[in-house]
Amino acid sequence: MHVPRPTALRALAAVALVTAAGLLAAPPASAHNVVVSTVPASGSTVTELPSEVVLNFEEPPIAGGTSIVVRDPGGEVVTSGATSLSGDSATVELQPLTLPGTYAVTYRSASDDGHTITGSFVFTVAGSLLPDATPIDAPTPTPTDSAASPAASSSPSPSASTSDASSGSGGSALPWLLGGLAVVVVAGAVVALVRRRSA
């Protein structure tokens, strides 16, 4: 039967003590921070126009390393101001939303272990939530005097046509009047000559 030497036992005991001390002294492993909920909820259709977007994290996000960006259906940024932190939450204000459709939210946040997490989600705004746009009626053009005058001048007035007709008829009767007058003069001269001879 082999009996272990005291020196070997001491060496094994020393290794075990060093290993145990190292395990006890090692800090617990840090985990990445994660988003546990959002407002508006991811993939939801909102029932009223939101004025802000809120991300709720599992652990408090780190100041200076967290930001939220929201874009409208046309791709324009609709966030207003910087992202603010409060406890486990990060919040960003929104400009007044004017377009119906899908809004995209992207975010990034630094974890306490030095890693940066990123993510995105969407929510939908129905057109019925947007204020009704009142159309502006185009003014109806009113006819001016200059526009109406050609029509008036193109149609002859009754007085003008009457005067033209009367002047035309008078001109055509003039030869007949002159001829009749000449006949009367000739007849008078003949009658005067006859009376002279008979006297």
Foldseek 3Di string as FASTA:
>chain_A
DDDDDPVVVVVVVVVVVVVVVVVVPDDDDDDFKDFPAKVVGFAEADPAFDFKIKTFIPFFFDPPFKFKWKADPVRHTFWDDTWDGDGRMIMTGGHGDADWFKMKMKMWTAGPVGDIDIDIGIYTYDPVNHDDDDDDDDDDDDDDPVNVVVVVVVDDDPVVVVVVVVVVVVVVCVVVVVVVVVVVVVVVVVVVVVVVVVD
